[in-house]
Protein backbone atom coordinates (compact mmCIF):
# COMPACT_ATOMS: atom_id res chain seq x y z
CA MET A 1 19.78 222.16 1.21
CA SER A 2 16.89 220.56 3.08
CA TRP A 3 13.53 221.87 2.75
CA LYS A 4 13.49 223.07 6.23
CA ASP A 5 16.88 225.38 5.31
CA ALA A 6 15.26 226.43 2.17
CA ALA A 7 12.08 227.57 4.18
CA LEU A 8 14.05 229.15 7.09
CA ASP A 9 15.75 231.04 4.38
CA ARG A 10 12.69 232.54 2.92
CA LEU A 11 11.41 233.33 6.55
CA PHE A 12 14.57 235.32 7.60
CA ASN A 13 15.17 236.93 4.41
CA PRO A 14 11.61 237.59 3.03
CA LYS A 15 10.73 239.64 0.07
CA SER A 16 7.09 239.60 1.02
CA ILE A 17 5.20 239.05 4.29
CA ALA A 18 1.77 238.54 4.87
CA ILE A 19 0.13 239.48 8.36
CA ILE A 20 -2.79 237.42 9.15
CA GLY A 21 -4.92 239.10 11.61
CA ALA A 22 -3.79 242.59 10.97
CA SER A 23 -5.80 245.04 12.75
CA ASN A 24 -6.50 248.65 13.22
CA GLN A 25 -6.84 248.54 16.83
CA PRO A 26 -3.64 249.40 18.15
CA ASN A 27 -3.49 247.00 21.16
CA LYS A 28 -4.07 244.10 18.99
CA LEU A 29 -1.20 241.77 18.09
CA GLY A 30 -2.00 242.22 14.31
CA ALA A 31 -1.64 246.13 15.14
CA LEU A 32 1.67 245.80 16.89
CA THR A 33 3.03 243.57 14.22
CA LEU A 34 2.55 246.20 11.54
CA ARG A 35 4.09 248.70 13.75
CA ALA A 36 6.98 246.42 14.33
CA LEU A 37 7.38 246.05 10.70
CA LYS A 38 7.56 249.61 9.73
CA HIS A 39 11.17 250.02 8.90
CA PHE A 40 11.02 246.64 6.76
CA LYS A 41 11.18 248.02 3.23
CA ALA A 42 9.72 244.93 1.18
CA LYS A 43 6.30 244.05 0.43
CA LYS A 44 3.66 243.86 3.35
CA PHE A 45 0.27 242.40 2.92
CA PRO A 46 -2.25 242.53 5.64
CA VAL A 47 -4.90 240.01 5.62
CA ASN A 48 -8.19 240.34 7.33
CA PRO A 49 -11.46 239.49 5.93
CA ARG A 50 -13.59 242.53 7.83
CA HIS A 51 -11.26 245.29 6.58
CA SER A 52 -10.57 246.66 3.23
CA GLU A 53 -7.60 248.95 4.19
CA ILE A 54 -5.47 249.12 7.30
CA ASP A 55 -2.68 251.73 7.85
CA GLY A 56 -2.57 252.74 4.12
CA PHE A 57 -2.43 249.28 3.05
CA LYS A 58 -5.00 247.35 0.85
CA CYS A 59 -6.29 244.40 3.25
CA HIS A 60 -6.65 240.89 1.73
CA PHE A 61 -9.28 238.38 2.40
CA SER A 62 -6.57 235.40 2.83
CA ALA A 63 -3.09 234.82 1.87
CA ALA A 64 -4.25 232.94 -1.09
CA ASP A 65 -6.18 236.04 -2.06
CA ILE A 66 -2.97 238.16 -2.17
CA GLY A 67 -1.90 236.47 -5.79
CA GLU A 68 1.59 236.98 -5.17
CA GLU A 69 4.52 234.63 -3.83
CA ILE A 70 4.70 235.11 0.17
CA ASP A 71 7.98 234.31 1.60
CA LEU A 72 6.72 234.76 5.37
CA ALA A 73 3.49 234.95 6.93
CA VAL A 74 2.70 236.19 10.51
CA ILE A 75 -0.08 234.71 12.05
CA ALA A 76 -1.57 236.80 14.89
CA LEU A 77 -4.75 235.07 15.47
CA GLY A 78 -5.91 233.25 18.78
CA PRO A 79 -5.53 229.33 18.84
CA MET A 80 -8.47 227.93 17.32
CA ASN A 81 -8.02 230.12 14.09
CA VAL A 82 -4.36 229.19 13.73
CA LEU A 83 -5.08 225.79 11.82
CA PRO A 84 -7.24 227.39 9.18
CA ALA A 85 -4.71 230.19 8.71
CA LEU A 86 -1.93 227.51 8.16
CA LYS A 87 -4.10 225.73 5.46
CA ASP A 88 -4.64 229.26 3.70
CA CYS A 89 -0.89 229.69 4.05
CA ALA A 90 -0.09 226.21 2.60
CA GLU A 91 -2.45 226.86 -0.40
CA ALA A 92 -0.78 230.11 -1.06
CA GLY A 93 2.89 228.53 -1.04
CA VAL A 94 4.15 230.17 1.98
CA GLY A 95 7.76 229.50 2.96
CA GLY A 96 7.94 230.11 6.61
CA VAL A 97 5.12 230.93 9.25
CA ILE A 98 5.26 232.63 12.80
CA ILE A 99 2.67 231.83 15.00
CA PHE A 100 2.46 233.83 18.30
CA SER A 101 -0.48 232.53 20.04
CA ALA A 102 -0.55 230.10 23.05
CA GLY A 103 -2.87 227.42 23.73
CA PHE A 104 -0.85 224.52 22.26
CA LYS A 105 1.62 221.73 23.84
CA GLU A 106 1.97 223.63 26.95
CA LEU A 107 -1.78 223.07 27.70
CA GLY A 108 -1.54 219.47 28.05
CA PRO A 109 -3.11 216.46 26.12
CA ILE A 110 -5.67 218.54 24.32
CA GLY A 111 -2.89 221.18 23.28
CA GLU A 112 -0.60 218.72 22.27
CA GLU A 113 -3.31 217.08 19.80
CA HIS A 114 -3.90 220.69 18.46
CA GLN A 115 -0.19 221.09 18.05
CA LYS A 116 0.40 217.95 16.36
CA GLN A 117 -2.20 218.76 13.84
CA VAL A 118 -0.27 222.05 12.91
CA LYS A 119 2.82 219.97 12.76
CA GLU A 120 1.41 217.36 10.31
CA LEU A 121 0.04 220.14 7.99
CA ALA A 122 3.40 222.31 8.12
CA ASP A 123 5.53 219.33 7.42
CA ALA A 124 3.26 218.14 4.49
CA SER A 125 3.49 221.85 2.93
CA ARG A 126 6.95 222.45 3.66
CA ILE A 127 6.40 225.35 5.90
CA ALA A 128 9.01 226.15 8.45
CA VAL A 129 7.09 227.10 11.54
CA ILE A 130 8.68 229.33 14.44
CA GLY A 131 6.39 229.04 17.50
CA PRO A 132 3.42 229.00 18.37
CA ASN A 133 3.44 230.78 21.93
CA CYS A 134 6.75 232.99 20.81
CA LEU A 135 7.62 236.42 20.41
CA GLY A 136 8.69 235.93 16.68
CA ALA A 137 12.03 236.44 14.64
CA GLY A 138 14.07 238.93 12.73
CA ASN A 139 17.10 240.09 10.62
CA PRO A 140 18.21 243.49 11.52
CA SER A 141 20.46 243.62 8.50
CA ILE A 142 17.06 244.01 6.28
CA ALA A 143 15.14 245.60 9.40
CA LEU A 144 12.91 242.66 9.80
CA ASN A 145 11.21 242.78 13.06
CA ALA A 146 8.64 240.14 12.83
CA THR A 147 7.37 240.25 16.27
CA PHE A 148 4.65 241.99 18.40
CA PHE A 149 7.11 244.09 19.95
CA PRO A 150 8.10 247.44 17.87
CA HIS A 151 11.29 248.63 18.80
CA PRO A 152 11.95 252.50 18.90
CA ALA A 153 14.42 252.15 16.14
CA PRO A 154 16.16 249.41 14.16
CA LEU A 155 18.24 246.93 15.74
CA GLU A 156 22.00 247.16 15.19
CA SER A 157 23.22 244.35 12.62
CA GLY A 158 26.05 242.38 13.33
CA ASP A 159 27.24 238.91 13.21
CA VAL A 160 25.80 237.31 16.62
CA SER A 161 22.61 235.36 16.23
CA LEU A 162 20.12 234.60 19.06
CA VAL A 163 17.89 231.76 19.75
CA SER A 164 15.47 231.36 22.53
CA GLN A 165 12.34 229.25 23.49
CA SER A 166 11.08 231.71 25.56
CA GLY A 167 9.75 235.29 24.13
CA GLY A 168 10.57 237.20 27.18
CA VAL A 169 14.27 235.93 27.39
CA ALA A 170 14.54 236.53 23.80
CA GLY A 171 14.01 240.31 24.54
CA LEU A 172 16.35 240.39 27.57
CA MET A 173 18.96 239.03 25.03
CA LEU A 174 18.28 242.06 22.46
CA TYR A 175 18.44 244.27 25.38
CA GLU A 176 21.61 243.19 26.67
CA ALA A 177 23.13 242.76 23.04
CA ALA A 178 22.06 246.41 22.48
CA ASP A 179 23.80 247.65 25.84
CA ALA A 180 26.63 245.57 25.30
CA GLY A 181 27.12 247.14 21.54
CA VAL A 182 26.42 243.71 20.04
CA GLY A 183 25.11 243.38 16.63
CA ILE A 184 22.65 240.90 15.67
CA ALA A 185 22.53 238.65 12.55
CA LYS A 186 19.36 236.71 13.16
CA PHE A 187 17.03 236.23 16.32
CA ALA A 188 14.32 233.80 16.69
CA SER A 189 11.90 232.73 19.60
CA ILE A 190 11.04 229.23 19.02
CA GLY A 191 8.41 228.59 21.69
CA ASN A 192 6.79 225.23 21.32
CA ARG A 193 8.62 224.18 18.52
CA VAL A 194 6.19 222.77 16.07
CA ASN A 195 8.65 221.71 13.52
CA ILE A 196 11.66 224.11 14.02
CA ASP A 197 13.76 223.15 17.08
CA PHE A 198 17.24 224.03 18.49
CA HIS A 199 18.94 221.45 16.21
CA ASP A 200 17.18 223.05 12.92
CA MET A 201 18.25 226.34 14.15
CA VAL A 202 21.91 225.64 15.02
CA ARG A 203 22.13 223.66 11.64
CA TYR A 204 20.51 226.79 9.59
CA LEU A 205 22.77 229.23 11.63
CA GLY A 206 25.85 226.99 10.90
CA GLN A 207 25.32 227.80 7.19
CA ASP A 208 24.30 231.27 7.66
CA LYS A 209 26.95 233.61 6.23
CA GLU A 210 25.80 236.73 8.33
CA THR A 211 26.26 234.50 11.44
CA GLU A 212 29.59 233.98 13.29
CA VAL A 213 28.42 233.47 16.75
CA ILE A 214 25.42 231.66 18.05
CA CYS A 215 23.46 231.95 21.56
CA LEU A 216 21.00 229.69 22.78
CA PHE A 217 18.75 229.97 25.65
CA VAL A 218 17.19 226.49 26.52
CA GLU A 219 14.26 225.25 28.60
CA GLY A 220 14.55 221.60 27.20
CA THR A 221 13.90 219.75 24.02
CA GLU A 222 12.73 216.38 22.99
CA HIS A 223 15.50 216.33 20.16
CA ALA A 224 18.56 216.22 22.68
CA ARG A 225 20.71 213.82 20.34
CA SER A 226 19.94 216.02 17.20
CA MET A 227 20.69 219.01 18.99
CA TYR A 228 24.19 217.74 20.36
CA GLU A 229 24.98 216.17 16.90
CA GLU A 230 24.29 219.62 15.13
CA MET A 231 26.27 221.58 17.95
CA ALA A 232 29.18 219.45 17.56
CA HIS A 233 29.31 219.77 13.68
CA VAL A 234 28.80 223.63 13.91
CA ALA A 235 31.41 224.32 16.84
CA LYS A 236 34.23 223.43 14.76
CA SER A 237 33.68 226.53 12.88
CA LYS A 238 31.58 228.92 14.91
CA PRO A 239 31.26 229.35 18.57
CA ILE A 240 28.20 228.39 20.26
CA ILE A 241 27.03 229.73 23.51
CA MET A 242 24.42 227.89 25.72
CA TYR A 243 22.35 229.24 28.71
CA LYS A 244 20.32 226.39 30.28
CA VAL A 245 17.68 226.82 32.79
CA GLY A 246 15.64 223.91 34.50
CA LYS A 247 18.21 223.23 37.05
CA THR A 248 15.83 223.47 39.89
CA PRO A 249 12.59 221.69 40.57
CA THR A 250 10.59 225.00 40.34
CA SER A 251 12.16 225.75 37.01
CA ARG A 252 11.92 222.17 35.63
CA LYS A 253 7.91 222.26 36.43
CA ALA A 254 7.72 225.72 35.00
CA ALA A 255 9.43 225.16 31.89
CA LEU A 256 6.90 222.21 31.07
CA SER A 257 4.06 224.83 31.60
CA HIS A 258 5.80 227.52 29.85
CA THR A 259 6.46 226.04 26.49
CA GLY A 260 5.71 222.62 26.78
CA SER A 261 9.32 221.70 27.41
CA LEU A 262 10.93 218.73 29.11
CA ALA A 263 13.57 220.20 31.15
CA GLY A 264 15.97 216.92 31.13
CA ARG A 265 18.82 216.78 33.56
CA HIS A 266 20.80 219.79 33.40
CA GLU A 267 23.99 217.64 34.17
CA LEU A 268 23.44 215.71 30.48
CA TYR A 269 23.08 219.21 28.87
CA SER A 270 26.23 220.46 30.64
CA ALA A 271 28.05 217.60 29.31
CA ALA A 272 26.63 217.89 25.87
CA ALA A 273 27.96 221.65 25.84
CA VAL A 274 31.18 220.47 26.93
CA GLN A 275 31.58 217.37 24.37
CA SER A 276 30.05 219.39 21.64
CA GLY A 277 32.97 222.25 21.98
CA ALA A 278 29.94 224.73 23.02
CA ILE A 279 30.28 227.24 26.03
CA GLU A 280 27.84 227.04 28.83
CA THR A 281 26.86 230.18 30.69
CA ASP A 282 24.91 230.81 33.84
CA THR A 283 23.26 234.23 32.99
CA VAL A 284 22.08 236.15 29.93
CA THR A 285 24.35 238.91 30.78
CA GLU A 286 27.29 236.35 30.85
CA MET A 287 25.99 234.84 27.31
CA ILE A 288 26.08 238.14 25.61
CA ASP A 289 29.38 239.36 27.00
CA THR A 290 31.03 236.26 25.56
CA ALA A 291 29.38 236.64 22.56
CA LYS A 292 31.02 240.34 22.48
CA ILE A 293 34.38 239.03 22.92
CA LEU A 294 34.07 236.34 20.05
CA SER A 295 32.44 238.67 17.77
CA ILE A 296 34.69 241.71 18.27
CA CYS A 297 38.11 240.28 18.75
CA GLU A 298 39.99 239.05 15.34
CA THR A 299 41.66 236.18 16.67
CA CYS A 300 41.04 233.08 19.10
CA PRO A 301 43.38 232.20 21.87
CA THR A 302 45.43 228.86 21.78
CA GLY A 303 45.77 228.70 25.28
CA ARG A 304 44.84 229.86 28.75
CA ASN A 305 47.60 232.23 30.08
CA VAL A 306 46.64 235.93 30.68
CA ALA A 307 48.35 239.06 31.33
CA ILE A 308 46.85 242.02 33.17
CA VAL A 309 48.03 245.21 32.50
CA THR A 310 46.66 248.28 34.98
CA HIS A 311 47.52 251.06 37.00
CA THR A 312 44.95 250.38 39.51
CA LEU A 313 45.66 247.03 41.18
CA GLY A 314 42.22 246.59 43.33
CA PRO A 315 40.01 245.88 40.15
CA SER A 316 42.52 243.94 38.58
CA LEU A 317 42.69 241.41 41.33
CA ILE A 318 39.06 241.02 41.09
CA ALA A 319 39.61 240.20 37.43
CA ALA A 320 42.53 237.76 38.25
CA GLN A 321 40.43 235.86 40.87
CA ILE A 322 37.83 235.22 38.54
CA LEU A 323 40.09 234.13 35.62
CA GLU A 324 42.02 231.79 37.84
CA ASN A 325 38.74 230.34 39.60
CA ALA A 326 37.99 229.54 36.16
CA GLY A 327 40.90 227.64 35.06
CA SER A 328 43.06 230.26 33.56
CA SER A 329 46.59 231.10 34.61
CA LEU A 330 48.36 234.48 35.38
CA PRO A 331 52.13 233.90 35.07
CA PRO A 332 54.37 236.56 35.80
CA PRO A 333 56.30 238.48 32.92
CA SER A 334 59.81 237.05 32.02
CA GLN A 335 62.67 238.71 33.85
CA GLU A 336 63.64 240.80 31.18
CA THR A 337 60.38 242.09 30.67
CA SER A 338 59.89 242.98 34.45
CA SER A 339 63.33 244.66 34.51
CA ILE A 340 62.50 246.99 31.59
CA ILE A 341 59.29 247.86 33.18
CA GLN A 342 61.16 248.45 36.42
CA GLU A 343 63.53 250.72 34.88
CA MET A 344 60.27 252.73 33.24
CA LEU A 345 58.71 253.25 36.43
CA ALA A 346 61.84 254.52 38.02
CA MET A 347 60.62 254.09 41.56
CA PRO A 348 63.02 255.07 44.51
CA VAL A 349 62.54 251.73 45.76
CA GLU A 350 62.61 248.34 43.99
CA ILE A 351 59.27 246.99 43.25
CA SER A 352 58.40 243.67 42.02
CA ILE A 353 56.63 243.30 38.82
CA THR A 354 54.23 240.35 39.09
CA ASN A 355 51.03 239.49 37.29
CA PRO A 356 48.71 241.73 37.41
CA VAL A 357 51.47 244.07 36.02
CA ASP A 358 50.97 247.18 38.24
CA LEU A 359 52.07 250.54 36.79
CA LEU A 360 51.12 252.62 39.61
CA ALA A 361 50.39 256.18 39.27
CA GLN A 362 52.87 256.52 36.32
CA GLY A 363 50.63 254.23 34.29
CA TRP A 364 47.96 256.43 34.63
CA ALA A 365 49.38 259.68 34.31
CA ASN A 366 51.87 258.99 31.38
CA PRO A 367 50.22 257.23 28.29
CA ASP A 368 53.72 256.39 27.11
CA ILE A 369 54.64 254.24 30.08
CA PHE A 370 51.34 252.30 29.89
CA ALA A 371 51.73 251.86 25.88
CA GLU A 372 55.44 250.54 26.20
CA ALA A 373 54.57 248.17 29.11
CA PHE A 374 51.39 246.89 27.11
CA ASN A 375 53.71 246.26 23.90
CA LEU A 376 56.33 244.13 26.14
CA ILE A 377 53.65 242.16 27.50
CA MET A 378 51.94 241.73 24.36
CA ASP A 379 55.68 240.64 23.10
CA ASP A 380 56.21 238.04 25.78
CA SER A 381 55.44 234.48 24.38
CA ARG A 382 53.92 233.31 27.67
CA TYR A 383 50.67 235.12 27.19
CA ASP A 384 47.57 234.07 25.17
CA ALA A 385 45.55 237.07 26.10
CA VAL A 386 45.93 240.33 27.59
CA MET A 387 43.62 242.33 29.68
CA ILE A 388 43.81 246.17 30.46
CA VAL A 389 42.60 247.48 33.23
CA PHE A 390 42.09 251.34 33.30
CA SER A 391 40.27 254.14 35.20
CA PRO A 392 39.42 256.93 33.03
CA ASN A 393 39.29 260.42 34.42
CA TYR A 394 36.85 261.97 32.05
CA GLN A 395 38.99 265.07 32.15
CA GLU A 396 41.12 265.44 29.03
CA ASP A 397 43.34 268.20 30.61
CA ILE A 398 44.16 266.27 33.77
CA GLY A 399 46.48 263.51 33.93
CA GLY A 400 47.05 261.01 31.27
CA GLY A 401 44.78 258.59 29.37
CA VAL A 402 44.20 255.05 27.68
CA PRO A 403 46.95 255.31 24.83
CA ILE A 404 44.17 254.08 22.46
CA ASP A 405 46.63 254.26 19.29
CA SER A 406 49.29 252.19 20.68
CA ILE A 407 47.00 249.45 21.87
CA LEU A 408 45.27 249.42 18.36
CA LYS A 409 48.61 249.23 16.53
CA LYS A 410 50.00 246.51 18.73
CA THR A 411 46.63 244.46 18.75
CA SER A 412 46.23 244.56 14.88
CA SER A 413 49.70 243.12 14.30
CA SER A 414 49.22 240.23 17.04
CA GLU A 415 47.45 236.87 17.20
CA LYS A 416 46.72 237.85 20.86
CA VAL A 417 43.20 238.40 22.21
CA VAL A 418 43.09 242.01 23.93
CA VAL A 419 40.26 242.80 26.24
CA ALA A 420 39.91 246.10 27.80
CA VAL A 421 38.02 247.27 31.00
CA LEU A 422 37.44 250.85 31.44
CA ASN A 423 36.04 251.47 34.91
CA SER A 424 33.04 253.55 34.12
CA PRO A 425 29.39 253.60 34.66
CA VAL A 426 27.42 251.97 31.42
CA CYS A 427 25.30 254.81 30.85
CA THR A 428 28.60 257.43 30.23
CA PRO A 429 30.87 255.33 28.55
CA PRO A 430 34.44 256.99 28.29
CA SER A 431 36.00 258.55 25.09
CA GLY A 432 37.70 256.02 23.03
CA LYS A 433 35.48 253.07 23.75
CA ASP A 434 34.12 252.85 20.25
CA ARG A 435 37.51 253.24 18.46
CA LEU A 436 38.97 250.47 20.78
CA GLU A 437 36.04 248.12 19.85
CA HIS A 438 36.09 249.01 16.16
CA GLY A 439 39.80 248.27 16.11
CA GLY A 440 39.13 244.61 17.57
CA VAL A 441 39.19 245.48 21.54
CA PRO A 442 35.86 244.48 23.25
CA VAL A 443 35.62 247.04 26.12
CA PHE A 444 33.74 246.43 29.58
CA SER A 445 32.90 248.85 32.09
CA ASN A 446 33.63 246.42 34.89
CA PRO A 447 36.28 243.59 35.79
CA GLU A 448 33.98 241.01 36.68
CA ARG A 449 32.05 240.59 33.41
CA ALA A 450 35.13 240.93 31.23
CA ALA A 451 36.79 238.34 33.32
CA GLN A 452 34.03 236.00 33.41
CA ALA A 453 33.57 236.30 29.47
CA LEU A 454 37.36 236.15 29.03
CA SER A 455 37.55 232.89 30.76
CA ASN A 456 34.72 231.39 29.02
CA VAL A 457 36.56 231.99 25.63
CA LEU A 458 39.71 230.68 27.13
CA ARG A 459 37.92 227.55 28.15
CA GLN A 460 36.25 227.25 24.72
CA SER A 461 39.67 227.16 23.11
CA ARG A 462 40.84 224.49 25.62
CA ASN A 463 37.79 222.38 24.63
CA HIS A 464 38.77 222.46 20.98
């Protein structure tokens, strides 16, 4: 294990944290950091020479003054005080440091020289630095929220890890994940990237046992070759999803002033994503939706053929169009399968069974018909993935419903990916959503998001 990986392991799994710049003034970063760490149960050591006690914790003069091993130090000070604080951390043998403040490379030559000094000291002391100019980092499995952004409750832990240059986008990614029910393994806002850049995070997360899916929000990096090489290596065993900005003149210019990032040509980043086996997305929402499928589904598709089973054709046509535009195929069922479904529907006139497989009102009112049609499609060898599109009625005593037990039973015995669209408001999820997701079937509230995310997963399987 490299010293950076060992230091990052201490940073993300600390047994002790020093909060340098801790404050009893509620609007200060040091106070917000302490509040963000309130659910973290390991040792916390406020550091501020002007106080003897903060929030019931003994306050220390310096990190070296604590007298115990410190795994992680959070520096909540202005930029001119960062270098002395880092020297203190080096003397104390700290493993990882998070630096919140701006005022470094993004300011031009003077800031670049300041950041160079920080990097030289951090490298010489083998300290992994997240930042400066960042939101921080966290590990929800141990309630670690080493940011200046307290959440009302601990984040849900899971197996998706998030890395962003931007602190604001890191927050967006966490919010989208929370709304989508996606659990987080690790998250980091790496900001100006003193000595921990994307390639370091991809390498570390590739080895992390809690991480199964990696999401990257990229403005730019000066280590594009190393990033590509690490992505190509890790993507063989763990999916990587990348969202790159800096594709327009305004966003390229803003990236340089934001985190000191040279955005580079987006075509090169896109080519690197494809060649490494990663997935490139165009929005944060699409990134998290794609991660949701990869996280929840027990299997990965090996082809690009999709069947849609529904009772409502309009939303299914939306999904079909998105899937086909993204390169997926929707072949019709076999003649045998089509004939059986026709007999089940027992319509007074013969209707053709195509794809999407429209079960009409019978599929909505009679769960047995929907379940049997779903089982038939799952058994049809021409499909690699199946999408269910259903409009729940929210009235248990009216009509039928989604045959959840049958869907879960069939999904658990199949190698096919199954995605469900339950047309519904996000704020009022229908009953059965949690059961489906716990059983390996990701649920979306509209067909656009489900189809785009599924097409990304299918495209990733083809790249491999």
